[in-house]
Each structure stands twice: as structure tokens, then as C-alpha cells.
């Protein structure tokens, strides 16, 4: 992701294969890292707030790319899915861990795109940009929050925590913890032989 200087501009979000108009967790991370009050992806202005250990952004659900939200009976069924499961299109598999408390277990699978750009996976192949499963998907959490109409505490992937809550005027808040990870080791450069 490339974010503009705090004075303004458009935040550009890229995957290895495409440019996105909105993606929740890259925006949460950029807002935290750059200490911004607002971020401007192509989808629209995203307001930011800090709340102790969490960084929150606001967004409209219609900014998110489409995800098929598929409910499973138990978190164990969600955990047992292969990465990626067979089928077409982006899949956000979820189950209640504790419905009364709004706790959800989820996994997100982008799956493969065919020659027309439709997402497709046979369950054993390469996915878009080589990603079989996404660790944290704020856009899919946004859609699930809109569908259920309530605050959620989502555990996704290996343990990412996504908080989401409906707000006024169709806005939804997406929040999470952000921490600065150690940089990856530099790639080794090939030695030239003379």
C-alpha cells in the first residue's frame, strides 16, 4: 500500500495483481502507522480514531468487493476447511463462537480468477497472487457486520482479531490492533563469478 502524506491525497492499495478501491486492514495499518485522522482510498473518505490499543476506521459496506458469506455450524467446521476450499468466488466462511457475545470464527479465501476475471478455485490450485487464505480481511468483516446488523468480535486466520460495529448513516467501524513487525531479511543477491 502507498499512503499519501498526512496533508491529503489518495491512498493507493495494491495486491501483486490488482489495485483495490478499498481494503479494511491496509487502511487500519496505514492510519495507525502515519497517525492519520482520515485516509482517502478511491472508494471515499475513511475517518480514523484511536481507542487505546485499537485503531478504527469507518466505511460503507458497498465499498467492499463482493464476498460470499457462508455460515457454518461450528468454528471447528470453519477450521477444518482446506485452503482454499473448492468453489468459485471469494469465500468468507464463518461460524458463531458465542452468538450472545457477538464472537465469530472466520476464514477468508480469495480463490482463483478465470480468464474473464471471475474468481475460481478447484480447491488445490493457485489463488490470486498466490494467496490461498487471507489472515485479516476488513472488507469481508464489513459485509458480515452489515448483514448481521450488530457488533462483532471476529477471530480470523491464525488469530487476527477484527472488531466491527454498525454506526450511523450506514457506516460501519472496523478496528484492530496494529504492531510494527521486524522487517523481513533482505533478499540475498546473486554473486557474480569472474
N, C-alpha and C. Protein backbone atom coordinates (compact mmCIF):
# COMPACT_ATOMS: atom_id res chain seq x y z
N UNK A 1 0.84 -1.17 0.00
CA UNK A 1 0.00 0.00 0.00
C UNK A 1 0.88 1.23 0.00
N UNK A 2 0.45 2.23 -0.73
CA UNK A 2 1.10 3.52 -0.68
C UNK A 2 0.09 4.50 -0.11
N UNK A 3 0.47 5.22 0.94
CA UNK A 3 -0.41 6.20 1.55
C UNK A 3 0.18 7.58 1.32
N UNK A 4 -0.68 8.58 1.20
CA UNK A 4 -0.20 9.94 0.96
C UNK A 4 0.36 10.55 2.23
N UNK A 5 1.05 11.67 2.10
CA UNK A 5 1.45 12.39 3.29
C UNK A 5 0.22 12.85 4.06
N UNK A 6 0.34 13.11 5.37
CA UNK A 6 -0.84 13.48 6.17
C UNK A 6 -1.63 14.66 5.63
N UNK A 7 -1.06 15.49 4.79
CA UNK A 7 -1.77 16.66 4.29
C UNK A 7 -2.90 16.31 3.32
N UNK A 8 -2.96 15.10 2.80
CA UNK A 8 -4.06 14.72 1.91
C UNK A 8 -3.57 13.88 0.75
N UNK A 9 -4.46 13.68 -0.20
CA UNK A 9 -4.14 12.84 -1.34
C UNK A 9 -4.90 11.54 -1.25
N UNK A 10 -4.68 10.67 -2.21
CA UNK A 10 -5.38 9.39 -2.28
C UNK A 10 -4.46 8.27 -1.83
N UNK A 11 -4.99 7.39 -0.99
CA UNK A 11 -4.25 6.20 -0.57
C UNK A 11 -4.46 5.13 -1.64
N UNK A 12 -3.39 4.59 -2.16
CA UNK A 12 -3.45 3.56 -3.18
C UNK A 12 -3.17 2.20 -2.55
N UNK A 13 -4.04 1.24 -2.79
CA UNK A 13 -3.92 -0.09 -2.19
C UNK A 13 -3.70 -1.08 -3.33
N UNK A 14 -2.58 -1.79 -3.27
CA UNK A 14 -2.24 -2.74 -4.32
C UNK A 14 -2.05 -4.13 -3.75
N UNK A 15 -2.48 -5.13 -4.49
CA UNK A 15 -2.06 -6.50 -4.28
C UNK A 15 -1.06 -6.76 -5.40
N UNK A 16 -0.39 -7.90 -5.42
CA UNK A 16 0.53 -8.14 -6.54
C UNK A 16 -0.15 -8.11 -7.91
N UNK A 17 -1.47 -8.31 -7.96
CA UNK A 17 -2.12 -8.37 -9.27
C UNK A 17 -3.15 -7.31 -9.56
N UNK A 18 -3.50 -6.47 -8.59
CA UNK A 18 -4.58 -5.51 -8.85
C UNK A 18 -4.50 -4.32 -7.90
N UNK A 19 -5.20 -3.27 -8.26
CA UNK A 19 -5.35 -2.10 -7.39
C UNK A 19 -6.75 -2.15 -6.81
N UNK A 20 -6.88 -1.97 -5.51
CA UNK A 20 -8.16 -2.04 -4.83
C UNK A 20 -8.67 -0.64 -4.52
N UNK A 21 -9.99 -0.45 -4.55
CA UNK A 21 -10.56 0.84 -4.17
C UNK A 21 -10.76 0.94 -2.67
N UNK A 22 -10.84 -0.21 -1.98
CA UNK A 22 -10.99 -0.24 -0.53
C UNK A 22 -10.47 -1.57 -0.01
N UNK A 23 -9.77 -1.53 1.10
CA UNK A 23 -9.35 -2.73 1.83
C UNK A 23 -9.18 -2.33 3.29
N UNK A 24 -9.94 -2.95 4.16
CA UNK A 24 -10.00 -2.52 5.55
C UNK A 24 -8.70 -2.54 6.32
N UNK A 25 -8.03 -3.69 6.33
CA UNK A 25 -6.86 -3.77 7.20
C UNK A 25 -5.64 -3.00 6.70
N UNK A 26 -5.40 -2.88 5.40
CA UNK A 26 -4.32 -1.98 4.99
C UNK A 26 -4.59 -0.53 5.42
N UNK A 27 -5.85 -0.12 5.41
CA UNK A 27 -6.18 1.24 5.83
C UNK A 27 -6.03 1.41 7.34
N UNK A 28 -6.43 0.41 8.12
CA UNK A 28 -6.22 0.46 9.57
C UNK A 28 -4.72 0.59 9.86
N UNK A 29 -3.91 -0.22 9.19
CA UNK A 29 -2.47 -0.18 9.42
C UNK A 29 -1.84 1.13 9.02
N UNK A 30 -2.22 1.67 7.85
CA UNK A 30 -1.66 2.94 7.40
C UNK A 30 -2.07 4.08 8.33
N UNK A 31 -3.33 4.08 8.76
CA UNK A 31 -3.80 5.12 9.67
C UNK A 31 -3.03 5.09 10.98
N UNK A 32 -2.77 3.89 11.48
CA UNK A 32 -2.00 3.74 12.73
C UNK A 32 -0.56 4.19 12.54
N UNK A 33 0.08 3.71 11.49
CA UNK A 33 1.49 3.99 11.27
C UNK A 33 1.74 5.47 11.03
N UNK A 34 0.87 6.11 10.26
CA UNK A 34 1.06 7.52 9.91
C UNK A 34 0.32 8.47 10.85
N UNK A 35 -0.40 7.91 11.85
CA UNK A 35 -1.15 8.70 12.83
C UNK A 35 -2.08 9.69 12.14
N UNK A 36 -2.92 9.16 11.24
CA UNK A 36 -3.83 9.98 10.45
C UNK A 36 -5.20 10.07 11.11
N UNK A 37 -5.91 11.16 10.82
CA UNK A 37 -7.30 11.31 11.25
C UNK A 37 -8.27 10.85 10.17
N UNK A 38 -7.78 10.78 8.94
CA UNK A 38 -8.59 10.31 7.82
C UNK A 38 -7.66 9.76 6.75
N UNK A 39 -8.17 8.79 6.00
CA UNK A 39 -7.44 8.20 4.88
C UNK A 39 -8.39 8.28 3.69
N UNK A 40 -7.84 8.48 2.50
CA UNK A 40 -8.67 8.67 1.32
C UNK A 40 -8.37 7.64 0.24
N UNK A 41 -8.92 6.42 0.36
CA UNK A 41 -8.79 5.48 -0.76
C UNK A 41 -9.75 5.91 -1.87
N UNK A 42 -9.63 5.33 -3.06
CA UNK A 42 -10.53 5.71 -4.15
C UNK A 42 -12.02 5.55 -3.81
N UNK A 43 -12.39 4.65 -2.90
CA UNK A 43 -13.79 4.42 -2.57
C UNK A 43 -14.43 5.63 -1.88
N UNK A 44 -13.66 6.39 -1.10
CA UNK A 44 -14.21 7.53 -0.38
C UNK A 44 -13.42 7.81 0.89
N UNK A 45 -13.78 8.88 1.57
CA UNK A 45 -13.05 9.27 2.77
C UNK A 45 -13.35 8.32 3.93
N UNK A 46 -12.29 7.89 4.59
CA UNK A 46 -12.37 6.95 5.71
C UNK A 46 -11.88 7.68 6.96
N UNK A 47 -12.77 7.85 7.93
CA UNK A 47 -12.38 8.50 9.18
C UNK A 47 -11.70 7.49 10.09
N UNK A 48 -10.78 7.99 10.89
CA UNK A 48 -9.96 7.14 11.75
C UNK A 48 -10.10 7.62 13.19
N UNK A 49 -10.09 6.67 14.13
CA UNK A 49 -9.98 7.02 15.54
C UNK A 49 -9.12 5.98 16.25
N UNK A 50 -8.43 6.44 17.26
CA UNK A 50 -7.62 5.57 18.10
C UNK A 50 -8.38 5.36 19.41
N UNK A 51 -8.40 4.13 19.90
CA UNK A 51 -9.13 3.81 21.12
C UNK A 51 -8.24 2.89 21.95
N UNK A 52 -7.29 3.46 22.67
CA UNK A 52 -6.38 2.63 23.45
C UNK A 52 -5.54 1.76 22.53
N UNK A 53 -5.75 0.46 22.62
CA UNK A 53 -4.94 -0.47 21.83
C UNK A 53 -5.48 -0.72 20.42
N UNK A 54 -6.64 -0.18 20.07
CA UNK A 54 -7.25 -0.43 18.77
C UNK A 54 -7.25 0.82 17.90
N UNK A 55 -7.10 0.59 16.59
CA UNK A 55 -7.27 1.64 15.59
C UNK A 55 -8.53 1.30 14.82
N UNK A 56 -9.39 2.30 14.62
CA UNK A 56 -10.68 2.11 13.97
C UNK A 56 -10.77 2.97 12.71
N UNK A 57 -11.45 2.43 11.69
CA UNK A 57 -11.80 3.21 10.51
C UNK A 57 -13.30 3.07 10.28
N UNK A 58 -13.88 4.03 9.55
CA UNK A 58 -15.29 3.95 9.18
C UNK A 58 -15.39 3.76 7.67
N UNK A 59 -16.37 2.97 7.24
CA UNK A 59 -16.53 2.71 5.81
C UNK A 59 -17.97 2.29 5.54
N UNK A 60 -18.34 2.34 4.28
CA UNK A 60 -19.64 1.85 3.83
C UNK A 60 -19.45 0.43 3.28
N UNK A 61 -20.39 -0.45 3.56
CA UNK A 61 -20.29 -1.84 3.10
C UNK A 61 -20.23 -1.93 1.57
N UNK A 62 -20.89 -1.01 0.86
CA UNK A 62 -20.87 -1.11 -0.60
C UNK A 62 -19.51 -0.75 -1.20
N UNK A 63 -18.56 -0.30 -0.39
CA UNK A 63 -17.19 -0.07 -0.86
C UNK A 63 -16.41 -1.38 -0.97
N UNK A 64 -16.83 -2.39 -0.24
CA UNK A 64 -16.10 -3.66 -0.19
C UNK A 64 -16.34 -4.46 -1.47
N UNK A 65 -15.30 -5.18 -1.93
CA UNK A 65 -15.54 -6.09 -3.05
C UNK A 65 -16.48 -7.20 -2.61
N UNK A 66 -17.14 -7.88 -3.55
CA UNK A 66 -18.09 -8.92 -3.14
C UNK A 66 -17.39 -10.12 -2.51
N UNK A 67 -17.98 -10.64 -1.44
CA UNK A 67 -17.56 -11.88 -0.79
C UNK A 67 -18.80 -12.71 -0.55
N UNK A 68 -18.73 -14.00 -0.78
CA UNK A 68 -19.82 -14.90 -0.40
C UNK A 68 -19.64 -15.18 1.08
N UNK A 69 -20.62 -14.82 1.88
CA UNK A 69 -20.58 -15.04 3.33
C UNK A 69 -21.30 -16.35 3.61
N UNK A 70 -20.54 -17.36 4.00
CA UNK A 70 -21.13 -18.69 4.20
C UNK A 70 -21.00 -19.09 5.67
N UNK A 71 -22.16 -19.29 6.30
CA UNK A 71 -22.20 -19.66 7.71
C UNK A 71 -22.05 -21.17 7.86
N UNK A 72 -21.21 -21.57 8.81
CA UNK A 72 -21.01 -22.97 9.17
C UNK A 72 -21.57 -23.19 10.57
N UNK A 73 -21.84 -24.43 10.90
CA UNK A 73 -22.48 -24.74 12.18
C UNK A 73 -21.56 -24.52 13.37
N UNK A 74 -20.27 -24.79 13.20
CA UNK A 74 -19.34 -24.68 14.33
C UNK A 74 -18.01 -24.07 13.89
N UNK A 75 -17.27 -23.48 14.82
CA UNK A 75 -15.92 -22.99 14.49
C UNK A 75 -15.00 -24.12 14.02
N UNK A 76 -15.22 -25.32 14.52
CA UNK A 76 -14.40 -26.47 14.11
C UNK A 76 -14.59 -26.78 12.63
N UNK A 77 -15.82 -26.63 12.12
CA UNK A 77 -16.06 -26.82 10.68
C UNK A 77 -15.31 -25.78 9.86
N UNK A 78 -15.29 -24.54 10.33
CA UNK A 78 -14.55 -23.48 9.65
C UNK A 78 -13.05 -23.81 9.65
N UNK A 79 -12.53 -24.23 10.80
CA UNK A 79 -11.11 -24.56 10.92
C UNK A 79 -10.73 -25.76 10.06
N UNK A 80 -11.67 -26.67 9.80
CA UNK A 80 -11.37 -27.89 9.04
C UNK A 80 -11.36 -27.67 7.52
N UNK A 81 -11.77 -26.50 7.05
CA UNK A 81 -11.79 -26.25 5.61
C UNK A 81 -10.38 -26.29 5.03
N UNK A 82 -10.24 -26.89 3.83
CA UNK A 82 -8.92 -26.83 3.17
C UNK A 82 -8.68 -25.39 2.69
N UNK A 83 -7.43 -25.06 2.44
CA UNK A 83 -7.11 -23.71 1.95
C UNK A 83 -6.53 -23.80 0.55
N UNK A 84 -7.27 -23.43 -0.46
CA UNK A 84 -8.64 -22.93 -0.46
C UNK A 84 -9.64 -24.08 -0.61
N UNK A 85 -10.87 -23.88 -0.14
CA UNK A 85 -11.89 -24.89 -0.39
C UNK A 85 -12.34 -24.83 -1.85
N UNK A 86 -12.88 -25.93 -2.37
CA UNK A 86 -13.36 -25.93 -3.76
C UNK A 86 -14.47 -24.89 -3.94
N UNK A 87 -14.60 -24.41 -5.14
CA UNK A 87 -15.69 -23.48 -5.45
C UNK A 87 -15.18 -22.24 -6.15
N UNK A 88 -16.11 -21.34 -6.40
CA UNK A 88 -15.81 -20.12 -7.14
C UNK A 88 -16.08 -18.91 -6.27
N UNK A 89 -15.39 -17.83 -6.56
CA UNK A 89 -15.63 -16.56 -5.90
C UNK A 89 -14.98 -16.46 -4.53
N UNK A 90 -14.90 -15.24 -4.04
CA UNK A 90 -14.34 -15.01 -2.72
C UNK A 90 -15.27 -15.61 -1.67
N UNK A 91 -14.69 -16.37 -0.75
CA UNK A 91 -15.48 -17.02 0.30
C UNK A 91 -15.04 -16.53 1.66
N UNK A 92 -15.99 -16.05 2.46
CA UNK A 92 -15.77 -15.71 3.86
C UNK A 92 -16.57 -16.73 4.67
N UNK A 93 -15.87 -17.75 5.15
CA UNK A 93 -16.50 -18.82 5.93
C UNK A 93 -16.52 -18.40 7.39
N UNK A 94 -17.68 -18.54 8.05
CA UNK A 94 -17.77 -18.08 9.43
C UNK A 94 -18.72 -18.96 10.24
N UNK A 95 -18.54 -18.90 11.55
CA UNK A 95 -19.43 -19.59 12.49
C UNK A 95 -19.42 -18.82 13.80
N UNK A 96 -20.51 -18.92 14.53
CA UNK A 96 -20.55 -18.30 15.85
C UNK A 96 -19.68 -19.09 16.82
N UNK A 97 -18.83 -18.40 17.54
CA UNK A 97 -18.15 -18.99 18.71
C UNK A 97 -19.03 -18.79 19.94
N UNK A 98 -19.64 -17.60 20.02
CA UNK A 98 -20.56 -17.25 21.10
C UNK A 98 -21.49 -16.17 20.54
N UNK A 99 -22.67 -16.59 20.08
CA UNK A 99 -23.58 -15.66 19.41
C UNK A 99 -24.03 -14.54 20.33
N UNK A 100 -24.34 -14.85 21.58
CA UNK A 100 -24.80 -13.81 22.50
C UNK A 100 -23.75 -12.72 22.69
N UNK A 101 -22.48 -13.10 22.68
CA UNK A 101 -21.39 -12.13 22.86
C UNK A 101 -20.91 -11.53 21.54
N UNK A 102 -21.44 -12.01 20.40
CA UNK A 102 -21.03 -11.49 19.10
C UNK A 102 -19.67 -11.98 18.64
N UNK A 103 -19.21 -13.12 19.20
CA UNK A 103 -17.88 -13.65 18.84
C UNK A 103 -18.01 -14.63 17.68
N UNK A 104 -17.17 -14.39 16.63
CA UNK A 104 -17.22 -15.14 15.38
C UNK A 104 -15.84 -15.71 15.07
N UNK A 105 -15.82 -16.92 14.52
CA UNK A 105 -14.60 -17.51 13.93
C UNK A 105 -14.77 -17.43 12.43
N UNK A 106 -13.77 -16.91 11.71
CA UNK A 106 -13.89 -16.75 10.27
C UNK A 106 -12.58 -17.06 9.57
N UNK A 107 -12.69 -17.43 8.30
CA UNK A 107 -11.55 -17.60 7.41
C UNK A 107 -11.94 -17.03 6.05
N UNK A 108 -10.98 -16.41 5.36
CA UNK A 108 -11.25 -15.76 4.08
C UNK A 108 -10.38 -16.37 2.99
N UNK A 109 -11.04 -16.78 1.90
CA UNK A 109 -10.35 -17.43 0.79
C UNK A 109 -10.63 -16.65 -0.49
N UNK A 110 -9.61 -16.01 -1.09
CA UNK A 110 -9.85 -15.23 -2.30
C UNK A 110 -10.14 -16.08 -3.53
N UNK A 111 -9.58 -17.26 -3.63
CA UNK A 111 -9.73 -18.21 -4.73
C UNK A 111 -9.39 -17.64 -6.10
N UNK A 112 -9.20 -18.49 -7.04
CA UNK A 112 -8.61 -18.18 -8.35
C UNK A 112 -9.57 -17.42 -9.27
N UNK A 113 -8.98 -16.55 -10.11
CA UNK A 113 -9.75 -15.84 -11.13
C UNK A 113 -9.57 -16.55 -12.47
N UNK A 114 -10.66 -16.71 -13.21
CA UNK A 114 -10.56 -17.33 -14.54
C UNK A 114 -10.22 -16.27 -15.59
N UNK A 115 -10.24 -16.67 -16.86
CA UNK A 115 -9.83 -15.76 -17.93
C UNK A 115 -10.76 -14.55 -18.07
N UNK A 116 -11.98 -14.60 -17.53
CA UNK A 116 -12.90 -13.46 -17.58
C UNK A 116 -12.77 -12.58 -16.34
N UNK A 117 -11.87 -12.96 -15.40
CA UNK A 117 -11.70 -12.18 -14.18
C UNK A 117 -12.57 -12.65 -13.04
N UNK A 118 -13.36 -13.72 -13.25
CA UNK A 118 -14.18 -14.25 -12.17
C UNK A 118 -13.32 -15.11 -11.27
N UNK A 119 -13.56 -15.03 -9.97
CA UNK A 119 -12.77 -15.79 -9.02
C UNK A 119 -13.17 -17.26 -9.08
N UNK A 120 -12.16 -18.15 -9.10
CA UNK A 120 -12.43 -19.58 -9.28
C UNK A 120 -11.31 -20.39 -8.63
N UNK A 121 -11.66 -21.47 -7.96
CA UNK A 121 -10.65 -22.37 -7.41
C UNK A 121 -11.16 -23.79 -7.46
N UNK A 122 -10.29 -24.69 -7.76
CA UNK A 122 -10.62 -26.10 -7.72
C UNK A 122 -10.29 -26.73 -6.39
N UNK A 123 -9.79 -25.96 -5.46
CA UNK A 123 -9.51 -26.47 -4.13
C UNK A 123 -8.09 -26.94 -3.97
N UNK A 124 -7.30 -26.94 -5.01
CA UNK A 124 -5.93 -27.42 -4.86
C UNK A 124 -4.95 -26.55 -5.62
N UNK A 125 -5.44 -25.44 -6.11
CA UNK A 125 -4.59 -24.70 -7.01
C UNK A 125 -4.11 -23.37 -6.49
N UNK A 126 -3.55 -22.65 -7.41
CA UNK A 126 -3.03 -21.33 -7.12
C UNK A 126 -4.22 -20.37 -7.01
N UNK A 127 -4.12 -19.45 -6.09
CA UNK A 127 -5.16 -18.44 -5.92
C UNK A 127 -4.63 -17.11 -6.41
N UNK A 128 -5.47 -16.08 -6.44
CA UNK A 128 -4.99 -14.79 -6.90
C UNK A 128 -3.73 -14.38 -6.13
N UNK A 129 -2.73 -13.95 -6.87
CA UNK A 129 -1.47 -13.51 -6.29
C UNK A 129 -0.84 -14.57 -5.39
N UNK A 130 -1.22 -15.84 -5.55
CA UNK A 130 -0.63 -16.91 -4.75
C UNK A 130 -1.11 -16.96 -3.31
N UNK A 131 -2.19 -16.28 -2.99
CA UNK A 131 -2.71 -16.25 -1.62
C UNK A 131 -3.86 -17.25 -1.50
N UNK A 132 -3.67 -18.30 -0.72
CA UNK A 132 -4.72 -19.29 -0.53
C UNK A 132 -5.73 -18.83 0.52
N UNK A 133 -5.24 -18.11 1.55
CA UNK A 133 -6.10 -17.66 2.64
C UNK A 133 -5.58 -16.32 3.15
N UNK A 134 -6.49 -15.40 3.40
CA UNK A 134 -6.10 -14.09 3.92
C UNK A 134 -6.15 -14.11 5.45
N UNK A 135 -5.15 -13.51 6.07
CA UNK A 135 -5.06 -13.51 7.53
C UNK A 135 -6.08 -12.56 8.17
N UNK A 136 -6.31 -11.42 7.59
CA UNK A 136 -7.28 -10.46 8.13
C UNK A 136 -7.94 -9.75 6.96
N UNK A 137 -9.26 -9.75 6.93
CA UNK A 137 -9.99 -9.20 5.79
C UNK A 137 -11.07 -8.25 6.30
N UNK A 138 -10.69 -6.98 6.44
CA UNK A 138 -11.63 -6.00 6.94
C UNK A 138 -12.83 -5.81 6.04
N UNK A 139 -12.64 -5.92 4.72
CA UNK A 139 -13.75 -5.74 3.79
C UNK A 139 -14.82 -6.82 3.99
N UNK A 140 -14.41 -8.06 4.16
CA UNK A 140 -15.38 -9.14 4.39
C UNK A 140 -16.05 -8.98 5.76
N UNK A 141 -15.28 -8.56 6.77
CA UNK A 141 -15.86 -8.30 8.09
C UNK A 141 -16.91 -7.18 8.02
N UNK A 142 -16.64 -6.20 7.18
CA UNK A 142 -17.58 -5.09 6.95
C UNK A 142 -18.91 -5.64 6.42
N UNK A 143 -18.83 -6.53 5.43
CA UNK A 143 -20.04 -7.12 4.84
C UNK A 143 -20.80 -7.99 5.84
N UNK A 144 -20.07 -8.78 6.63
CA UNK A 144 -20.74 -9.62 7.63
C UNK A 144 -21.42 -8.76 8.69
N UNK A 145 -20.78 -7.69 9.10
CA UNK A 145 -21.38 -6.79 10.09
C UNK A 145 -22.64 -6.15 9.54
N UNK A 146 -22.61 -5.75 8.28
CA UNK A 146 -23.81 -5.17 7.67
C UNK A 146 -24.94 -6.21 7.64
N UNK A 147 -24.61 -7.44 7.22
CA UNK A 147 -25.64 -8.48 7.12
C UNK A 147 -26.27 -8.80 8.48
N UNK A 148 -25.43 -8.92 9.51
CA UNK A 148 -25.93 -9.31 10.83
C UNK A 148 -26.47 -8.12 11.62
N UNK A 149 -26.06 -6.90 11.25
CA UNK A 149 -26.58 -5.70 11.90
C UNK A 149 -26.22 -5.56 13.36
N UNK A 150 -25.03 -6.02 13.73
CA UNK A 150 -24.64 -5.96 15.14
C UNK A 150 -23.12 -5.92 15.27
N UNK A 151 -22.66 -5.56 16.46
CA UNK A 151 -21.22 -5.53 16.74
C UNK A 151 -20.68 -6.96 16.75
N UNK A 152 -19.46 -7.11 16.20
CA UNK A 152 -18.83 -8.43 16.13
C UNK A 152 -17.38 -8.35 16.61
N UNK A 153 -16.94 -9.45 17.18
CA UNK A 153 -15.54 -9.65 17.56
C UNK A 153 -15.11 -10.90 16.80
N UNK A 154 -14.35 -10.71 15.71
CA UNK A 154 -14.05 -11.78 14.77
C UNK A 154 -12.61 -12.24 14.95
N UNK A 155 -12.43 -13.54 15.10
CA UNK A 155 -11.10 -14.14 15.05
C UNK A 155 -10.95 -14.74 13.67
N UNK A 156 -9.96 -14.26 12.91
CA UNK A 156 -9.77 -14.72 11.53
C UNK A 156 -8.36 -15.24 11.36
N UNK A 157 -8.21 -16.19 10.44
CA UNK A 157 -6.88 -16.72 10.13
C UNK A 157 -6.28 -17.43 11.33
N UNK A 158 -4.98 -17.19 11.55
CA UNK A 158 -4.28 -17.84 12.66
C UNK A 158 -4.55 -17.18 13.99
N UNK A 159 -5.28 -16.08 14.00
CA UNK A 159 -5.58 -15.43 15.27
C UNK A 159 -5.71 -13.93 15.21
N UNK A 160 -5.88 -13.37 14.01
CA UNK A 160 -6.10 -11.93 13.92
C UNK A 160 -7.46 -11.60 14.52
N UNK A 161 -7.52 -10.47 15.22
CA UNK A 161 -8.78 -10.03 15.82
C UNK A 161 -9.28 -8.81 15.06
N UNK A 162 -10.51 -8.91 14.59
CA UNK A 162 -11.17 -7.82 13.88
C UNK A 162 -12.41 -7.45 14.68
N UNK A 163 -12.52 -6.19 15.07
CA UNK A 163 -13.72 -5.70 15.73
C UNK A 163 -14.51 -4.91 14.71
N UNK A 164 -15.82 -5.04 14.73
CA UNK A 164 -16.66 -4.34 13.77
C UNK A 164 -17.99 -3.99 14.43
N UNK A 165 -18.51 -2.81 14.08
CA UNK A 165 -19.78 -2.38 14.66
C UNK A 165 -20.50 -1.45 13.70
N UNK A 166 -21.83 -1.63 13.57
CA UNK A 166 -22.61 -0.70 12.75
C UNK A 166 -22.63 0.67 13.41
N UNK A 167 -22.63 1.70 12.58
CA UNK A 167 -22.70 3.07 13.08
C UNK A 167 -23.84 3.80 12.42
N UNK A 168 -23.89 5.11 12.60
CA UNK A 168 -24.98 5.90 11.99
C UNK A 168 -24.80 6.04 10.48
N UNK A 169 -25.89 6.31 9.81
CA UNK A 169 -25.89 6.63 8.37
C UNK A 169 -25.28 5.54 7.50
N UNK A 170 -25.43 4.28 7.90
CA UNK A 170 -24.92 3.17 7.11
C UNK A 170 -23.42 2.95 7.21
N UNK A 171 -22.74 3.70 8.05
CA UNK A 171 -21.31 3.49 8.25
C UNK A 171 -21.07 2.29 9.15
N UNK A 172 -19.96 1.66 8.95
CA UNK A 172 -19.54 0.55 9.81
C UNK A 172 -18.11 0.82 10.24
N UNK A 173 -17.83 0.61 11.52
CA UNK A 173 -16.47 0.75 12.03
C UNK A 173 -15.78 -0.60 12.00
N UNK A 174 -14.53 -0.59 11.55
CA UNK A 174 -13.68 -1.77 11.56
C UNK A 174 -12.46 -1.41 12.37
N UNK A 175 -12.11 -2.25 13.33
CA UNK A 175 -10.95 -1.96 14.16
C UNK A 175 -10.08 -3.17 14.39
N UNK A 176 -8.86 -2.89 14.75
CA UNK A 176 -7.93 -3.96 15.07
C UNK A 176 -6.68 -3.41 15.74
N UNK A 177 -5.90 -4.33 16.27
CA UNK A 177 -4.61 -3.98 16.85
C UNK A 177 -3.57 -3.94 15.73
N UNK A 178 -2.66 -3.02 15.84
CA UNK A 178 -1.57 -2.93 14.86
C UNK A 178 -0.27 -2.91 15.64
N UNK A 179 0.70 -3.63 15.12
CA UNK A 179 2.03 -3.56 15.71
C UNK A 179 3.05 -3.56 14.59
N UNK A 180 4.15 -2.92 14.86
CA UNK A 180 5.22 -2.83 13.88
C UNK A 180 6.06 -4.09 13.99
N UNK A 181 6.09 -4.85 12.92
CA UNK A 181 6.86 -6.09 12.89
C UNK A 181 8.28 -5.78 12.43
N UNK A 182 9.18 -6.65 12.80
CA UNK A 182 10.55 -6.51 12.34
C UNK A 182 10.57 -6.66 10.82
N UNK A 183 11.40 -5.87 10.13
CA UNK A 183 11.44 -6.00 8.68
C UNK A 183 11.96 -7.37 8.27
N UNK A 184 11.48 -7.82 7.13
CA UNK A 184 11.94 -9.11 6.59
C UNK A 184 13.40 -8.99 6.21
N UNK A 185 14.16 -10.07 6.33
CA UNK A 185 15.57 -10.01 5.93
C UNK A 185 15.69 -9.68 4.45
N UNK A 186 16.71 -8.93 4.13
CA UNK A 186 16.94 -8.56 2.73
C UNK A 186 17.23 -9.81 1.91
N UNK A 187 16.72 -9.82 0.70
CA UNK A 187 16.96 -10.96 -0.18
C UNK A 187 18.45 -11.02 -0.52
N UNK A 188 18.95 -12.22 -0.60
CA UNK A 188 20.36 -12.38 -0.98
C UNK A 188 20.53 -12.08 -2.45
N UNK A 189 21.53 -11.33 -2.76
CA UNK A 189 21.83 -11.02 -4.15
C UNK A 189 22.77 -12.06 -4.71
N UNK A 190 22.52 -12.44 -5.96
CA UNK A 190 23.41 -13.45 -6.55
C UNK A 190 24.83 -12.91 -6.67
N UNK A 191 25.78 -13.77 -6.44
CA UNK A 191 27.20 -13.42 -6.57
C UNK A 191 27.60 -13.62 -8.03
N UNK A 192 28.26 -12.64 -8.59
CA UNK A 192 28.76 -12.78 -9.94
C UNK A 192 30.11 -13.45 -9.90
N UNK A 193 30.29 -14.41 -10.74
CA UNK A 193 31.55 -15.12 -10.82
C UNK A 193 32.40 -14.49 -11.93
N UNK A 194 33.66 -14.22 -11.64
CA UNK A 194 34.58 -13.66 -12.65
C UNK A 194 35.57 -14.69 -13.07
